[in-house]
Amino acid sequence: MATILAVRKENQALEAESLASTPRHVLPASSVAGALAQASPKLDAVTDTPLLEAEVLLAHVLDASRAMLLAYPERILATNQLIDYQTLVHQRASNYPLPYITGGVEFYGLEFEVAPEVLIPRPETETLVDLALARRPETIVDVGTGSGCIAVALAAHLPQTTICAIEISPAALAVARRNVERHNVANRVRLIAGDVLNPRPSPADLIVSNPPYIPTGDCASLPISIRNHEPRQALDGGPDGLAVIRRLLAQAPAVLKPEGALLIEIGADQGEAASRLAHTYFPEAAIRVHPDLAGRDRVLEIQT
């Protein structure tokens, strides 16, 4: 019996080695490799990483990891799986955002639910989180929390901190609530419906915000995936892009504790204008603009 099992294992190993060495182009179209080969060119026009996105979509359909796809290129998809995959590829090829299709995105090492009701978190916003974490505040107000990504990331890394997260959109607030519960920080992140700092939250050491800051006139030139699918309310910052920031700066003094601070994400070319505006409302504060990893203006810091 032991000999039979050994021979069987040897045969299985040889078969696996043979399949792994089979060129992908000779595998059937219904296989993992075949499906990826057909999907990738269809995504060329909407992304710089078509194969990667094709793999992400297929992993989503199969509820598997990308590593599994690469390890078993010969796996045959069920008919319904192949149809579902082709549908999602077509959807992505029409410029529909990938995170909305998969329902999730990674931000600051954590996985977040996203939906068309919320802005998709961007890597550049992690600069704001870095700056906030360095301060180690006891109390934070997050204005315009959206998916809750900033509030949750801060709560996850500051276990002694309490956060009030404000959002004007009820639909976005529902997504944020699910993310807060998903990461088990509901006892320290309080979600409230509000417009900027109204209703006024309790005094805080730090106010953080990723507000809408794109000038209205520039919204029409945004990429199609952003312009047509992400919430306009989270993008449009008024004629000069600073309308919401202006309101936030006007209301912040009533909320900040003595020696409190603000960290506000801004557009890549708004550093000078945002600094001048900050000096208007905080004439005695120390004001600084921090760049993101690409060296562009990204976070306005106001230290009272």
Foldseek 3Di string as FASTA:
>chain_A
DVVVVVVVVVVVVVVLVVQLPDDLVPADCQFLSNVLVVLQVLCVVQDPCSSVLLLVLLCLLVVHDSVVCNSCRNHGDDPVSSVSSVVVSVVVSVLADSCQSSQWDDEPNDIAGDHLAFDDDDNQCVVLLVVVVVVLWQEEEEEACQLVVSVLSNCVNRVNHAYEYEHQDPVSLVNNVVRCVVSVNPVRYHYDYDQQCPVPDAATQEYEYAAAQDAPVCLVVDPCNCNVGHDPRRHHLYHRSCNSVLVNLQPVVVRYDVQGKYKYFYDQPCQVVSQVSNCVSVVPWDWDFDAGPVRGGTIIMTTD
